[in-house]
Amino acid sequence: MKPNIGRLTGLDREKLTDALYGLGWAAVKKLPEPVAARLGDRIADTVWKKRGKGVQRLEANLARVVPDATPHALSRLSRTGMRSYMRYWMESFRLPTWSRDKVRDSVDVQQAHLLTEALESGRGVILALPHMGNYDLAGVWVTRALGVPFTTVAERLKPESLYDRFVAYRESLGMEVLPHTGGAAFGILARRLRAGGLICLVADRDLSASGIEVKFFGEPAKMPAGPAMLALQTNAVLLPVTLWYDGTPVMRARVHPGIEVPETGTRPEKAAAMTQALADAFASGIAEHPEDWHMLQRLWLTDLEPRDAGDRGTEAA
């Protein structure tokens, strides 16, 4: 989430952004859990009432997911969505202080056997997730509850010091983090998979020029080609995962059946079919729990023209 810092620009904006995130990590993790939860709800409600660009974009995106929602219902859904989004941040600021038992008890994974069986196969495993629930918490569950390290990719953030904070934070949780930019990430991910390793990728929004067009809630959007291309190149198992909250301290997760490689077609055609299947799995989870899909940026192709460069925001993906 990018703080609303008014008309500051350039270096001053970057310094203030970094300072605000630093304050969150330093202060929130010291608060008692109920206090942090109430603080998160208050912040979310304040941001929601201001109806800035992020909230408006969230409502526009949710209108695709719940097309029959009345304006009042959509407004209530976006408020719940902002509370869910802020819960992600409050939990993430506090995650470094959580014990192994706390992590294990805070996540309930449905069909976890699909993941454990894939790991036991030795083929390498790709977990692909949308921006739902708390994917950092899901990652910590993998490293601590299952005892399995994994590799992920993070978007380059500005300022560089903020990116360094996120890398250090995720590495402290047992993750190997690669920068999204540059061509080296794909090769490293492929090597990890060929060695039978696990990688986790947030994969519902394309951040490159090489995304694959899919139908998503009935309209064209682009999603990253990476998960499908890695599966094709390395014979890894590609598993979609969706996450949600249910009003309890426990986050729920579902491991969906693996995405099969089509028997016929060119490599680009196979990648397109697999990415569409991934989008369909994401859509099924998002439709069931739209309030936990934290998509505050433009996604569908009809929303990207003309594109507002400022709409991308600073995002920890």
Protein backbone atom coordinates (compact mmCIF):
# COMPACT_ATOMS: atom_id res chain seq x y z
CA MET A 1 0.00 0.00 0.00
CA LYS A 2 1.35 3.42 -0.88
CA PRO A 3 0.66 6.04 1.79
CA ASN A 4 -1.18 9.16 0.69
CA ILE A 5 1.48 11.79 1.15
CA GLY A 6 -0.10 14.68 -0.63
CA ARG A 7 1.80 16.76 -3.11
CA LEU A 8 5.30 15.69 -2.17
CA THR A 9 7.32 14.59 -5.16
CA GLY A 10 10.62 13.04 -6.00
CA LEU A 11 13.17 12.36 -3.32
CA ASP A 12 11.06 13.83 -0.48
CA ARG A 13 8.16 11.51 -1.34
CA GLU A 14 10.45 8.48 -1.45
CA LYS A 15 12.05 9.34 1.89
CA LEU A 16 8.68 9.80 3.56
CA THR A 17 7.34 6.55 2.09
CA ASP A 18 10.35 4.68 3.42
CA ALA A 19 10.01 6.33 6.83
CA LEU A 20 6.32 5.40 7.11
CA TYR A 21 6.97 1.77 6.32
CA GLY A 22 9.87 1.77 8.76
CA LEU A 23 7.59 3.18 11.45
CA GLY A 24 5.08 0.42 10.78
CA TRP A 25 7.66 -2.34 11.21
CA ALA A 26 9.12 -0.72 14.32
CA ALA A 27 5.88 0.23 16.11
CA VAL A 28 3.08 -2.13 15.08
CA LYS A 29 4.93 -5.32 16.03
CA LYS A 30 5.19 -4.04 19.62
CA LEU A 31 1.43 -3.59 20.02
CA PRO A 32 -0.80 -6.23 21.63
CA GLU A 33 -2.59 -8.13 18.91
CA PRO A 34 -6.13 -6.83 19.68
CA VAL A 35 -4.80 -3.25 19.71
CA ALA A 36 -3.07 -3.75 16.36
CA ALA A 37 -6.26 -5.22 14.88
CA ARG A 38 -8.40 -2.29 16.04
CA LEU A 39 -5.80 0.17 14.78
CA GLY A 40 -5.83 -1.54 11.39
CA ASP A 41 -9.62 -1.27 11.17
CA ARG A 42 -9.52 2.43 12.07
CA ILE A 43 -6.88 3.18 9.47
CA ALA A 44 -8.78 1.19 6.85
CA ASP A 45 -12.04 3.01 7.60
CA THR A 46 -10.31 6.40 7.43
CA VAL A 47 -8.75 5.60 4.07
CA TRP A 48 -12.04 4.18 2.78
CA LYS A 49 -13.99 7.30 3.78
CA LYS A 50 -11.54 9.54 1.90
CA ARG A 51 -12.29 7.58 -1.30
CA GLY A 52 -8.90 8.09 -2.87
CA LYS A 53 -7.77 6.53 -6.13
CA GLY A 54 -6.97 3.18 -4.55
CA VAL A 55 -10.42 2.78 -3.00
CA GLN A 56 -12.14 3.87 -6.20
CA ARG A 57 -10.07 1.41 -8.20
CA LEU A 58 -10.84 -1.38 -5.73
CA GLU A 59 -14.58 -0.74 -6.14
CA ALA A 60 -14.28 -0.65 -9.92
CA ASN A 61 -12.45 -3.99 -9.86
CA LEU A 62 -14.95 -5.53 -7.45
CA ALA A 63 -17.78 -4.41 -9.73
CA ARG A 64 -16.42 -6.92 -12.30
CA VAL A 65 -16.31 -9.67 -9.68
CA VAL A 66 -19.81 -8.98 -8.31
CA PRO A 67 -21.61 -7.45 -11.31
CA ASP A 68 -25.07 -7.63 -9.70
CA ALA A 69 -24.04 -5.71 -6.57
CA THR A 70 -25.96 -2.49 -5.88
CA PRO A 71 -23.91 0.68 -5.31
CA HIS A 72 -24.59 0.37 -1.58
CA ALA A 73 -23.51 -3.28 -1.49
CA LEU A 74 -20.40 -2.45 -3.50
CA SER A 75 -19.54 0.34 -1.09
CA ARG A 76 -19.88 -2.00 1.89
CA LEU A 77 -17.79 -4.61 0.08
CA SER A 78 -14.99 -2.12 -0.59
CA ARG A 79 -15.00 -1.11 3.09
CA THR A 80 -14.63 -4.74 4.13
CA GLY A 81 -11.95 -5.09 1.46
CA MET A 82 -9.94 -2.21 2.87
CA ARG A 83 -10.15 -3.77 6.35
CA SER A 84 -8.91 -7.04 4.90
CA TYR A 85 -6.07 -5.22 3.14
CA MET A 86 -5.06 -3.46 6.33
CA ARG A 87 -5.18 -6.75 8.21
CA TYR A 88 -2.58 -7.98 5.71
CA TRP A 89 -0.31 -5.07 6.64
CA MET A 90 -0.83 -5.36 10.39
CA GLU A 91 -0.06 -9.07 10.27
CA SER A 92 2.94 -8.55 8.03
CA PHE A 93 4.46 -5.94 10.34
CA ARG A 94 4.06 -8.41 13.22
CA LEU A 95 5.07 -11.65 11.46
CA PRO A 96 8.77 -11.52 12.46
CA THR A 97 7.70 -11.82 16.12
CA TRP A 98 5.43 -14.86 15.61
CA SER A 99 6.52 -18.23 16.91
CA ARG A 100 6.38 -21.43 14.87
CA ASP A 101 3.29 -22.52 16.82
CA LYS A 102 1.60 -19.15 16.27
CA VAL A 103 2.18 -19.41 12.51
CA ARG A 104 0.96 -23.01 12.40
CA ASP A 105 -2.20 -22.16 14.32
CA SER A 106 -2.93 -19.06 12.22
CA VAL A 107 -3.30 -20.84 8.87
CA ASP A 108 -5.73 -23.57 7.85
CA VAL A 109 -4.90 -25.11 4.47
CA GLN A 110 -7.49 -27.09 2.55
CA GLN A 111 -6.17 -29.81 0.23
CA ALA A 112 -2.65 -29.37 1.61
CA HIS A 113 -1.95 -32.92 0.42
CA LEU A 114 -1.76 -31.59 -3.15
CA LEU A 115 1.26 -29.54 -2.10
CA THR A 116 2.97 -32.18 0.02
CA GLU A 117 2.49 -34.86 -2.63
CA ALA A 118 3.90 -32.55 -5.30
CA LEU A 119 6.93 -31.80 -3.12
CA GLU A 120 7.49 -35.50 -2.55
CA SER A 121 7.43 -36.15 -6.31
CA GLY A 122 10.77 -34.36 -6.70
CA ARG A 123 9.59 -32.49 -9.81
CA GLY A 124 9.77 -29.00 -8.38
CA VAL A 125 6.66 -27.03 -7.44
CA ILE A 126 5.31 -23.62 -8.43
CA LEU A 127 2.72 -22.07 -6.13
CA ALA A 128 0.85 -19.27 -7.93
CA LEU A 129 -1.32 -16.90 -5.90
CA PRO A 130 -3.46 -13.82 -6.52
CA HIS A 131 -3.30 -10.74 -4.27
CA MET A 132 -5.57 -12.37 -1.68
CA GLY A 133 -5.39 -12.63 2.09
CA ASN A 134 -1.81 -12.58 3.35
CA TYR A 135 0.59 -14.35 1.00
CA ASP A 136 3.52 -13.53 3.31
CA LEU A 137 1.80 -15.45 6.12
CA ALA A 138 1.15 -18.32 3.71
CA GLY A 139 4.84 -18.30 2.84
CA VAL A 140 5.87 -18.39 6.49
CA TRP A 141 3.51 -21.34 7.03
CA VAL A 142 5.35 -23.18 4.26
CA THR A 143 8.79 -22.46 5.72
CA ARG A 144 7.89 -23.07 9.37
CA ALA A 145 5.00 -25.53 9.44
CA LEU A 146 6.25 -27.63 6.52
CA GLY A 147 9.94 -26.81 6.96
CA VAL A 148 10.34 -26.16 3.23
CA PRO A 149 12.35 -23.16 1.96
CA PHE A 150 11.25 -21.45 -1.22
CA THR A 151 12.19 -18.74 -3.69
CA THR A 152 10.02 -15.79 -4.67
CA VAL A 153 10.22 -12.59 -6.69
CA ALA A 154 9.64 -9.03 -5.46
CA GLU A 155 8.84 -5.94 -7.49
CA ARG A 156 11.53 -3.27 -7.42
CA LEU A 157 10.24 -0.47 -5.20
CA LYS A 158 11.26 3.15 -4.86
CA PRO A 159 13.18 4.26 -2.93
CA GLU A 160 15.76 1.48 -3.06
CA SER A 161 15.87 1.49 0.73
CA LEU A 162 12.19 0.45 0.80
CA TYR A 163 12.89 -2.46 -1.53
CA ASP A 164 15.79 -3.44 0.74
CA ARG A 165 13.40 -3.42 3.72
CA PHE A 166 11.03 -5.83 2.01
CA VAL A 167 13.84 -8.13 0.92
CA ALA A 168 15.33 -8.21 4.41
CA TYR A 169 11.88 -8.77 5.93
CA ARG A 170 11.05 -11.70 3.67
CA GLU A 171 14.50 -13.23 3.96
CA SER A 172 14.12 -13.09 7.76
CA LEU A 173 11.01 -15.24 7.29
CA GLY A 174 12.95 -17.92 5.41
CA MET A 175 12.38 -16.86 1.81
CA GLU A 176 14.91 -16.39 -0.98
CA VAL A 177 13.93 -13.15 -2.75
CA LEU A 178 14.87 -12.22 -6.32
CA PRO A 179 14.23 -8.84 -7.95
CA HIS A 180 11.46 -8.79 -10.54
CA THR A 181 13.46 -6.69 -12.98
CA GLY A 182 16.28 -8.13 -15.00
CA GLY A 183 16.50 -11.38 -16.95
CA ALA A 184 18.36 -13.36 -14.30
CA ALA A 185 15.32 -14.18 -12.15
CA PHE A 186 13.75 -16.63 -14.63
CA GLY A 187 16.97 -18.62 -14.96
CA ILE A 188 17.45 -18.85 -11.19
CA LEU A 189 13.85 -19.92 -10.68
CA ALA A 190 14.25 -22.60 -13.35
CA ARG A 191 17.38 -23.93 -11.63
CA ARG A 192 15.57 -24.09 -8.29
CA LEU A 193 12.73 -26.07 -9.87
CA ARG A 194 15.01 -28.51 -11.70
CA ALA A 195 16.62 -29.24 -8.34
CA GLY A 196 13.19 -30.18 -6.97
CA GLY A 197 12.68 -26.88 -5.14
CA LEU A 198 9.64 -24.73 -4.44
CA ILE A 199 8.91 -21.27 -5.78
CA CYS A 200 5.97 -18.99 -4.94
CA LEU A 201 4.75 -16.28 -7.32
CA VAL A 202 1.99 -13.68 -7.01
CA ALA A 203 0.55 -14.02 -10.47
CA ASP A 204 -2.72 -12.16 -11.05
CA ARG A 205 -1.27 -8.90 -12.39
CA ASP A 206 1.27 -8.54 -15.18
CA LEU A 207 4.19 -6.22 -14.43
CA SER A 208 6.00 -6.77 -17.73
CA ALA A 209 5.42 -6.40 -21.44
CA SER A 210 5.27 -10.17 -21.94
CA GLY A 211 2.02 -11.02 -20.17
CA ILE A 212 -0.50 -13.47 -21.60
CA GLU A 213 -4.01 -12.30 -22.37
CA VAL A 214 -6.75 -14.17 -20.52
CA LYS A 215 -10.47 -13.88 -19.95
CA PHE A 216 -10.97 -12.86 -16.34
CA PHE A 217 -14.52 -12.45 -15.09
CA GLY A 218 -15.59 -12.24 -18.71
CA GLU A 219 -13.21 -9.46 -19.81
CA PRO A 220 -9.68 -9.48 -21.26
CA ALA A 221 -6.79 -8.96 -18.86
CA LYS A 222 -3.11 -9.88 -18.88
CA MET A 223 -1.40 -12.16 -16.39
CA PRO A 224 2.27 -13.10 -16.07
CA ALA A 225 3.62 -15.75 -18.41
CA GLY A 226 6.23 -16.86 -15.87
CA PRO A 227 4.36 -19.60 -13.96
CA ALA A 228 3.27 -21.45 -17.10
CA MET A 229 6.59 -20.98 -18.91
CA LEU A 230 8.53 -22.25 -15.90
CA ALA A 231 6.28 -25.30 -15.63
CA LEU A 232 6.73 -26.03 -19.32
CA GLN A 233 10.49 -25.60 -19.23
CA THR A 234 11.18 -27.56 -16.03
CA ASN A 235 8.31 -30.08 -15.78
CA ALA A 236 7.41 -28.57 -12.40
CA VAL A 237 3.96 -28.95 -10.85
CA LEU A 238 1.94 -25.73 -11.13
CA LEU A 239 -0.50 -25.32 -8.22
CA PRO A 240 -2.90 -22.35 -7.86
CA VAL A 241 -3.56 -21.23 -4.28
CA THR A 242 -6.25 -18.86 -2.99
CA LEU A 243 -6.41 -17.25 0.46
CA TRP A 244 -9.14 -15.63 2.53
CA TYR A 245 -10.21 -14.53 6.00
CA ASP A 246 -13.45 -15.65 7.66
CA GLY A 247 -13.77 -13.29 10.60
CA THR A 248 -11.54 -15.38 12.88
CA PRO A 249 -7.82 -14.98 13.68
CA VAL A 250 -7.14 -17.88 11.29
CA MET A 251 -6.45 -17.33 7.58
CA ARG A 252 -7.87 -19.98 5.27
CA ALA A 253 -6.10 -21.29 2.19
CA ARG A 254 -6.96 -23.69 -0.59
CA VAL A 255 -4.49 -25.52 -2.79
CA HIS A 256 -6.23 -26.09 -6.12
CA PRO A 257 -5.55 -29.08 -8.39
CA GLY A 258 -2.45 -28.77 -10.54
CA ILE A 259 -2.59 -27.09 -13.94
CA GLU A 260 -2.00 -29.76 -16.56
CA VAL A 261 0.21 -29.21 -19.61
CA PRO A 262 -1.89 -29.50 -22.80
CA GLU A 263 -1.01 -32.50 -24.92
CA THR A 264 -1.04 -30.55 -28.18
CA GLY A 265 -0.11 -27.09 -29.41
CA THR A 266 2.97 -24.94 -29.64
CA ARG A 267 4.77 -23.81 -26.50
CA PRO A 268 3.10 -20.34 -26.62
CA GLU A 269 -0.30 -22.01 -27.11
CA LYS A 270 0.31 -24.33 -24.17
CA ALA A 271 1.44 -21.43 -21.98
CA ALA A 272 -1.68 -19.46 -22.94
CA ALA A 273 -3.98 -22.38 -22.08
CA MET A 274 -2.23 -22.95 -18.74
CA THR A 275 -2.37 -19.26 -17.84
CA GLN A 276 -6.08 -19.20 -18.63
CA ALA A 277 -6.58 -22.22 -16.36
CA LEU A 278 -4.65 -20.37 -13.65
CA ALA A 279 -6.86 -17.29 -14.12
CA ASP A 280 -9.96 -19.50 -13.85
CA ALA A 281 -8.72 -20.96 -10.54
CA PHE A 282 -8.01 -17.47 -9.22
CA ALA A 283 -11.45 -16.31 -10.33
CA SER A 284 -13.17 -19.15 -8.49
CA GLY A 285 -11.48 -18.20 -5.22
CA ILE A 286 -11.96 -14.47 -5.69
CA ALA A 287 -15.66 -14.91 -6.51
CA GLU A 288 -16.15 -16.78 -3.24
CA HIS A 289 -14.25 -14.19 -1.18
CA PRO A 290 -14.12 -10.91 -3.15
CA GLU A 291 -13.52 -8.82 0.00
CA ASP A 292 -10.10 -10.49 0.41
CA TRP A 293 -8.84 -9.69 -3.09
CA HIS A 294 -6.56 -6.70 -2.61
CA MET A 295 -6.41 -5.35 -6.15
CA LEU A 296 -6.14 -1.57 -5.85
CA GLN A 297 -4.54 -1.16 -9.28
CA ARG A 298 -5.79 -1.31 -12.85
CA LEU A 299 -5.95 -4.84 -14.22
CA TRP A 300 -8.37 -5.23 -17.14
CA LEU A 301 -7.19 -4.12 -20.55
CA THR A 302 -10.09 -1.71 -21.02
CA ASP A 303 -8.88 0.16 -17.91
CA LEU A 304 -5.27 0.41 -19.08
CA GLU A 305 -5.88 2.81 -21.98
CA PRO A 306 -5.03 5.58 -21.50
CA ARG A 307 -2.81 4.43 -18.65
CA ASP A 308 -2.13 6.66 -15.69
CA ALA A 309 1.51 6.12 -14.73
CA GLY A 310 0.71 7.15 -11.18
CA ASP A 311 -1.87 4.37 -10.81
CA ARG A 312 0.73 1.63 -10.44
CA GLY A 313 1.67 2.80 -6.99
CA THR A 314 4.21 1.35 -4.63
CA GLU A 315 3.30 -2.26 -4.05
CA ALA A 316 4.88 -5.15 -2.20
CA ALA A 317 4.20 -8.09 -4.44
